[in-house]
Amino acid sequence: MLVLASDTTGKSLSVALLRDGRLVGETRLDLGYNHAVTHMPQVMNLLQSCETDIQAIDLFACTNGPGSFTGTR
């Protein structure tokens, strides 16, 4: 199973790709609370660096808070 996980609830933006429970790649940026602008480009950069198409993802996982309104929606 291929899982794309992200955490946008804090100052750091984290995105990870896991295959069968093993970490394939990850990225973490501390850009303050600017995730609305940087989240999708970081997802696409991670997928590209791991040579993975977004259509191959079986599960999208995200945190649900606590966090800012913009960071959790």
PDB file of N, CA and C in Angstrom:
ATOM      1  N   MET A   1       0.847  -1.171   0.000  1.00  0.00           N
ATOM      2  CA  MET A   1       0.000   0.000   0.000  1.00  0.00           C
ATOM      3  C   MET A   1       0.893   1.234   0.000  1.00  0.00           C
ATOM      4  N   LEU A   2       0.532   2.198  -0.832  1.00  0.00           N
ATOM      5  CA  LEU A   2       1.288   3.437  -0.955  1.00  0.00           C
ATOM      6  C   LEU A   2       0.517   4.557  -0.266  1.00  0.00           C
ATOM      7  N   VAL A   3       1.148   5.186   0.736  1.00  0.00           N
ATOM      8  CA  VAL A   3       0.496   6.206   1.558  1.00  0.00           C
ATOM      9  C   VAL A   3       1.242   7.531   1.406  1.00  0.00           C
ATOM     10  N   LEU A   4       0.475   8.584   1.159  1.00  0.00           N
ATOM     11  CA  LEU A   4       1.010   9.942   1.163  1.00  0.00           C
ATOM     12  C   LEU A   4       0.457  10.625   2.402  1.00  0.00           C
ATOM     13  N   ALA A   5       1.341  11.019   3.310  1.00  0.00           N
ATOM     14  CA  ALA A   5       0.924  11.619   4.580  1.00  0.00           C
ATOM     15  C   ALA A   5       1.439  13.047   4.670  1.00  0.00           C
ATOM     16  N   SER A   6       0.612  13.920   5.253  1.00  0.00           N
ATOM     17  CA  SER A   6       1.055  15.301   5.432  1.00  0.00           C
ATOM     18  C   SER A   6       0.565  15.851   6.760  1.00  0.00           C
ATOM     19  N   ASP A   7       1.357  16.766   7.297  1.00  0.00           N
ATOM     20  CA  ASP A   7       1.018  17.457   8.537  1.00  0.00           C
ATOM     21  C   ASP A   7       1.202  18.945   8.297  1.00  0.00           C
ATOM     22  N   THR A   8       0.107  19.687   8.403  1.00  0.00           N
ATOM     23  CA  THR A   8       0.135  21.135   8.178  1.00  0.00           C
ATOM     24  C   THR A   8      -0.365  21.892   9.401  1.00  0.00           C
ATOM     25  N   THR A   9      -0.395  21.234  10.562  1.00  0.00           N
ATOM     26  CA  THR A   9      -1.006  21.852  11.734  1.00  0.00           C
ATOM     27  C   THR A   9      -0.081  22.784  12.506  1.00  0.00           C
ATOM     28  N   GLY A  10       1.217  22.695  12.287  1.00  0.00           N
ATOM     29  CA  GLY A  10       2.153  23.548  13.021  1.00  0.00           C
ATOM     30  C   GLY A  10       2.934  24.453  12.092  1.00  0.00           C
ATOM     31  N   LYS A  11       4.012  25.019  12.603  1.00  0.00           N
ATOM     32  CA  LYS A  11       4.846  25.893  11.777  1.00  0.00           C
ATOM     33  C   LYS A  11       5.560  25.123  10.681  1.00  0.00           C
ATOM     34  N   SER A  12       5.908  23.880  10.954  1.00  0.00           N
ATOM     35  CA  SER A  12       6.592  23.058   9.958  1.00  0.00           C
ATOM     36  C   SER A  12       5.581  22.339   9.084  1.00  0.00           C
ATOM     37  N   LEU A  13       5.898  22.238   7.813  1.00  0.00           N
ATOM     38  CA  LEU A  13       5.110  21.466   6.862  1.00  0.00           C
ATOM     39  C   LEU A  13       5.843  20.155   6.638  1.00  0.00           C
ATOM     40  N   SER A  14       5.160  19.038   6.843  1.00  0.00           N
ATOM     41  CA  SER A  14       5.771  17.731   6.654  1.00  0.00           C
ATOM     42  C   SER A  14       4.957  16.926   5.658  1.00  0.00           C
ATOM     43  N   VAL A  15       5.658  16.287   4.729  1.00  0.00           N
ATOM     44  CA  VAL A  15       5.029  15.412   3.752  1.00  0.00           C
ATOM     45  C   VAL A  15       5.884  14.156   3.669  1.00  0.00           C
ATOM     46  N   ALA A  16       5.240  12.989   3.691  1.00  0.00           N
ATOM     47  CA  ALA A  16       5.980  11.732   3.640  1.00  0.00           C
ATOM     48  C   ALA A  16       5.286  10.748   2.711  1.00  0.00           C
ATOM     49  N   LEU A  17       6.079   9.886   2.107  1.00  0.00           N
ATOM     50  CA  LEU A  17       5.575   8.824   1.248  1.00  0.00           C
ATOM     51  C   LEU A  17       6.031   7.500   1.837  1.00  0.00           C
ATOM     52  N   LEU A  18       5.080   6.603   2.075  1.00  0.00           N
ATOM     53  CA  LEU A  18       5.381   5.298   2.658  1.00  0.00           C
ATOM     54  C   LEU A  18       4.851   4.194   1.752  1.00  0.00           C
ATOM     55  N   ARG A  19       5.648   3.153   1.582  1.00  0.00           N
ATOM     56  CA  ARG A  19       5.222   1.980   0.822  1.00  0.00           C
ATOM     57  C   ARG A  19       5.277   0.773   1.756  1.00  0.00           C
ATOM     58  N   ASP A  20       4.119   0.183   1.982  1.00  0.00           N
ATOM     59  CA  ASP A  20       4.006  -0.977   2.876  1.00  0.00           C
ATOM     60  C   ASP A  20       4.622  -0.704   4.243  1.00  0.00           C
ATOM     61  N   GLY A  21       4.373   0.501   4.774  1.00  0.00           N
ATOM     62  CA  GLY A  21       4.831   0.861   6.109  1.00  0.00           C
ATOM     63  C   GLY A  21       6.273   1.329   6.197  1.00  0.00           C
ATOM     64  N   ARG A  22       6.984   1.345   5.083  1.00  0.00           N
ATOM     65  CA  ARG A  22       8.386   1.779   5.090  1.00  0.00           C
ATOM     66  C   ARG A  22       8.505   3.137   4.420  1.00  0.00           C
ATOM     67  N   LEU A  23       9.289   4.008   5.006  1.00  0.00           N
ATOM     68  CA  LEU A  23       9.473   5.353   4.493  1.00  0.00           C
ATOM     69  C   LEU A  23      10.224   5.321   3.165  1.00  0.00           C
ATOM     70  N   VAL A  24       9.621   5.924   2.153  1.00  0.00           N
ATOM     71  CA  VAL A  24      10.237   6.030   0.830  1.00  0.00           C
ATOM     72  C   VAL A  24      10.899   7.393   0.674  1.00  0.00           C
ATOM     73  N   GLY A  25      10.234   8.434   1.169  1.00  0.00           N
ATOM     74  CA  GLY A  25      10.780   9.782   1.088  1.00  0.00           C
ATOM     75  C   GLY A  25      10.005  10.722   1.983  1.00  0.00           C
ATOM     76  N   GLU A  26      10.641  11.821   2.348  1.00  0.00           N
ATOM     77  CA  GLU A  26       9.964  12.800   3.193  1.00  0.00           C
ATOM     78  C   GLU A  26      10.549  14.179   2.951  1.00  0.00           C
ATOM     79  N   THR A  27       9.761  15.174   3.275  1.00  0.00           N
ATOM     80  CA  THR A  27      10.221  16.552   3.218  1.00  0.00           C
ATOM     81  C   THR A  27       9.629  17.293   4.402  1.00  0.00           C
ATOM     82  N   ARG A  28      10.418  18.182   4.968  1.00  0.00           N
ATOM     83  CA  ARG A  28       9.952  18.997   6.094  1.00  0.00           C
ATOM     84  C   ARG A  28      10.510  20.399   5.923  1.00  0.00           C
ATOM     85  N   LEU A  29       9.625  21.368   5.943  1.00  0.00           N
ATOM     86  CA  LEU A  29      10.012  22.764   5.788  1.00  0.00           C
ATOM     87  C   LEU A  29       9.458  23.575   6.939  1.00  0.00           C
ATOM     88  N   ASP A  30      10.241  24.512   7.426  1.00  0.00           N
ATOM     89  CA  ASP A  30       9.769  25.429   8.458  1.00  0.00           C
ATOM     90  C   ASP A  30       9.653  26.815   7.837  1.00  0.00           C
ATOM     91  N   LEU A  31       8.487  27.084   7.261  1.00  0.00           N
ATOM     92  CA  LEU A  31       8.248  28.350   6.573  1.00  0.00           C
ATOM     93  C   LEU A  31       7.191  29.174   7.279  1.00  0.00           C
ATOM     94  N   GLY A  32       6.989  28.917   8.548  1.00  0.00           N
ATOM     95  CA  GLY A  32       5.917  29.602   9.259  1.00  0.00           C
ATOM     96  C   GLY A  32       4.583  28.990   8.860  1.00  0.00           C
ATOM     97  N   TYR A  33       3.559  29.776   8.901  1.00  0.00           N
ATOM     98  CA  TYR A  33       2.221  29.270   8.590  1.00  0.00           C
ATOM     99  C   TYR A  33       1.830  29.631   7.162  1.00  0.00           C
ATOM    100  N   ASN A  34       2.642  29.238   6.208  1.00  0.00           N
ATOM    101  CA  ASN A  34       2.408  29.555   4.805  1.00  0.00           C
ATOM    102  C   ASN A  34       2.066  28.291   4.013  1.00  0.00           C
ATOM    103  N   HIS A  35       1.437  27.319   4.659  1.00  0.00           N
ATOM    104  CA  HIS A  35       1.206  26.014   4.054  1.00  0.00           C
ATOM    105  C   HIS A  35       0.259  26.047   2.863  1.00  0.00           C
ATOM    106  N   ALA A  36      -0.681  26.974   2.851  1.00  0.00           N
ATOM    107  CA  ALA A  36      -1.641  27.031   1.746  1.00  0.00           C
ATOM    108  C   ALA A  36      -0.924  27.245   0.412  1.00  0.00           C
ATOM    109  N   VAL A  37       0.203  27.920   0.452  1.00  0.00           N
ATOM    110  CA  VAL A  37       0.966  28.195  -0.769  1.00  0.00           C
ATOM    111  C   VAL A  37       1.960  27.081  -1.072  1.00  0.00           C
ATOM    112  N   THR A  38       2.553  26.483  -0.050  1.00  0.00           N
ATOM    113  CA  THR A  38       3.671  25.562  -0.251  1.00  0.00           C
ATOM    114  C   THR A  38       3.306  24.082  -0.218  1.00  0.00           C
ATOM    115  N   HIS A  39       2.132  23.727   0.275  1.00  0.00           N
ATOM    116  CA  HIS A  39       1.793  22.320   0.469  1.00  0.00           C
ATOM    117  C   HIS A  39       1.802  21.514  -0.829  1.00  0.00           C
ATOM    118  N   MET A  40       1.005  21.903  -1.802  1.00  0.00           N
ATOM    119  CA  MET A  40       0.915  21.115  -3.035  1.00  0.00           C
ATOM    120  C   MET A  40       2.228  21.088  -3.822  1.00  0.00           C
ATOM    121  N   PRO A  41       2.968  22.189  -3.927  1.00  0.00           N
ATOM    122  CA  PRO A  41       4.272  22.079  -4.594  1.00  0.00           C
ATOM    123  C   PRO A  41       5.208  21.089  -3.891  1.00  0.00           C
ATOM    124  N   GLN A  42       5.168  21.036  -2.558  1.00  0.00           N
ATOM    125  CA  GLN A  42       6.014  20.085  -1.835  1.00  0.00           C
ATOM    126  C   GLN A  42       5.567  18.644  -2.074  1.00  0.00           C
ATOM    127  N   VAL A  43       4.256  18.431  -2.135  1.00  0.00           N
ATOM    128  CA  VAL A  43       3.742  17.091  -2.448  1.00  0.00           C
ATOM    129  C   VAL A  43       4.242  16.658  -3.822  1.00  0.00           C
ATOM    130  N   MET A  44       4.096  17.523  -4.808  1.00  0.00           N
ATOM    131  CA  MET A  44       4.501  17.174  -6.168  1.00  0.00           C
ATOM    132  C   MET A  44       6.013  16.971  -6.266  1.00  0.00           C
ATOM    133  N   ASN A  45       6.800  17.787  -5.565  1.00  0.00           N
ATOM    134  CA  ASN A  45       8.260  17.611  -5.554  1.00  0.00           C
ATOM    135  C   ASN A  45       8.651  16.273  -4.946  1.00  0.00           C
ATOM    136  N   LEU A  46       7.990  15.901  -3.854  1.00  0.00           N
ATOM    137  CA  LEU A  46       8.285  14.622  -3.211  1.00  0.00           C
ATOM    138  C   LEU A  46       7.940  13.464  -4.137  1.00  0.00           C
ATOM    139  N   LEU A  47       6.765  13.509  -4.741  1.00  0.00           N
ATOM    140  CA  LEU A  47       6.364  12.440  -5.656  1.00  0.00           C
ATOM    141  C   LEU A  47       7.334  12.330  -6.829  1.00  0.00           C
ATOM    142  N   GLN A  48       7.754  13.460  -7.360  1.00  0.00           N
ATOM    143  CA  GLN A  48       8.694  13.446  -8.477  1.00  0.00           C
ATOM    144  C   GLN A  48      10.038  12.860  -8.050  1.00  0.00           C
ATOM    145  N   SER A  49      10.531  13.252  -6.883  1.00  0.00           N
ATOM    146  CA  SER A  49      11.828  12.739  -6.426  1.00  0.00           C
ATOM    147  C   SER A  49      11.777  11.245  -6.119  1.00  0.00           C
ATOM    148  N   CYS A  50      10.587  10.744  -5.784  1.00  0.00           N
ATOM    149  CA  CYS A  50      10.414   9.310  -5.513  1.00  0.00           C
ATOM    150  C   CYS A  50       9.929   8.552  -6.748  1.00  0.00           C
ATOM    151  N   GLU A  51       9.860   9.264  -7.894  1.00  0.00           N
ATOM    152  CA  GLU A  51       9.415   8.674  -9.154  1.00  0.00           C
ATOM    153  C   GLU A  51       8.079   7.960  -8.998  1.00  0.00           C
ATOM    154  N   THR A  52       7.124   8.671  -8.403  1.00  0.00           N
ATOM    155  CA  THR A  52       5.798   8.121  -8.122  1.00  0.00           C
ATOM    156  C   THR A  52       4.736   9.048  -8.684  1.00  0.00           C
ATOM    157  N   ASP A  53       3.751   8.471  -9.352  1.00  0.00           N
ATOM    158  CA  ASP A  53       2.630   9.240  -9.880  1.00  0.00           C
ATOM    159  C   ASP A  53       1.555   9.356  -8.810  1.00  0.00           C
ATOM    160  N   ILE A  54       0.916  10.492  -8.733  1.00  0.00           N
ATOM    161  CA  ILE A  54      -0.106  10.706  -7.698  1.00  0.00           C
ATOM    162  C   ILE A  54      -1.255   9.705  -7.824  1.00  0.00           C
ATOM    163  N   GLN A  55      -1.498   9.200  -9.017  1.00  0.00           N
ATOM    164  CA  GLN A  55      -2.572   8.219  -9.213  1.00  0.00           C
ATOM    165  C   GLN A  55      -2.239   6.867  -8.593  1.00  0.00           C
ATOM    166  N   ALA A  56      -0.977   6.642  -8.250  1.00  0.00           N
ATOM    167  CA  ALA A  56      -0.574   5.388  -7.626  1.00  0.00           C
ATOM    168  C   ALA A  56      -0.841   5.371  -6.124  1.00  0.00           C
ATOM    169  N   ILE A  57      -1.176   6.523  -5.540  1.00  0.00           N
ATOM    170  CA  ILE A  57      -1.397   6.616  -4.095  1.00  0.00           C
ATOM    171  C   ILE A  57      -2.666   5.857  -3.719  1.00  0.00           C
ATOM    172  N   ASP A  58      -2.546   4.973  -2.723  1.00  0.00           N
ATOM    173  CA  ASP A  58      -3.694   4.206  -2.231  1.00  0.00           C
ATOM    174  C   ASP A  58      -4.424   4.924  -1.108  1.00  0.00           C
ATOM    175  N   LEU A  59      -3.694   5.705  -0.319  1.00  0.00           N
ATOM    176  CA  LEU A  59      -4.277   6.343   0.853  1.00  0.00           C
ATOM    177  C   LEU A  59      -3.614   7.698   1.086  1.00  0.00           C
ATOM    178  N   PHE A  60      -4.435   8.703   1.316  1.00  0.00           N
ATOM    179  CA  PHE A  60      -3.955  10.031   1.687  1.00  0.00           C
ATOM    180  C   PHE A  60      -4.236  10.207   3.177  1.00  0.00           C
ATOM    181  N   ALA A  61      -3.203  10.489   3.956  1.00  0.00           N
ATOM    182  CA  ALA A  61      -3.354  10.643   5.403  1.00  0.00           C
ATOM    183  C   ALA A  61      -2.958  12.054   5.808  1.00  0.00           C
ATOM    184  N   CYS A  62      -3.720  12.621   6.739  1.00  0.00           N
ATOM    185  CA  CYS A  62      -3.399  13.962   7.223  1.00  0.00           C
ATOM    186  C   CYS A  62      -3.766  14.070   8.696  1.00  0.00           C
ATOM    187  N   THR A  63      -3.157  15.024   9.354  1.00  0.00           N
ATOM    188  CA  THR A  63      -3.484  15.290  10.748  1.00  0.00           C
ATOM    189  C   THR A  63      -4.758  16.116  10.813  1.00  0.00           C
ATOM    190  N   ASN A  64      -5.435  16.042  11.943  1.00  0.00           N
ATOM    191  CA  ASN A  64      -6.682  16.805  12.071  1.00  0.00           C
ATOM    192  C   ASN A  64      -6.619  17.854  13.171  1.00  0.00           C
ATOM    193  N   GLY A  65      -5.448  18.146  13.656  1.00  0.00           N
ATOM    194  CA  GLY A  65      -5.313  19.231  14.616  1.00  0.00           C
ATOM    195  C   GLY A  65      -4.782  18.747  15.947  1.00  0.00           C
ATOM    196  N   PRO A  66      -4.677  19.641  16.871  1.00  0.00           N
ATOM    197  CA  PRO A  66      -5.110  21.031  16.774  1.00  0.00           C
ATOM    198  C   PRO A  66      -4.185  21.817  15.858  1.00  0.00           C
ATOM    199  N   GLY A  67      -4.702  22.895  15.337  1.00  0.00           N
ATOM    200  CA  GLY A  67      -3.950  23.756  14.444  1.00  0.00           C
ATOM    201  C   GLY A  67      -4.817  24.909  13.989  1.00  0.00           C
ATOM    202  N   SER A  68      -4.242  25.753  13.169  1.00  0.00           N
ATOM    203  CA  SER A  68      -4.998  26.896  12.665  1.00  0.00           C
ATOM    204  C   SER A  68      -6.079  26.424  11.699  1.00  0.00           C
ATOM    205  N   PHE A  69      -7.071  27.247  11.466  1.00  0.00           N
ATOM    206  CA  PHE A  69      -8.156  26.888  10.554  1.00  0.00           C
ATOM    207  C   PHE A  69      -7.615  26.563   9.168  1.00  0.00           C
ATOM    208  N   THR A  70      -6.758  27.424   8.637  1.00  0.00           N
ATOM    209  CA  THR A  70      -6.205  27.197   7.303  1.00  0.00           C
ATOM    210  C   THR A  70      -5.322  25.959   7.278  1.00  0.00           C
ATOM    211  N   GLY A  71      -4.599  25.705   8.356  1.00  0.00           N
ATOM    212  CA  GLY A  71      -3.695  24.565   8.406  1.00  0.00           C
ATOM    213  C   GLY A  71      -4.383  23.223   8.497  1.00  0.00           C
ATOM    214  N   THR A  72      -5.638  23.203   8.912  1.00  0.00           N
ATOM    215  CA  THR A  72      -6.332  21.925   9.086  1.00  0.00           C
ATOM    216  C   THR A  72      -7.446  21.675   8.085  1.00  0.00           C
ATOM    217  N   ARG A  73      -7.702  22.605   7.197  1.00  0.00           N
ATOM    218  CA  ARG A  73      -8.802  22.347   6.252  1.00  0.00           C
ATOM    219  C   ARG A  73      -8.350  21.764   4.956  1.00  0.00           C
TER     220      ARG A  73
END
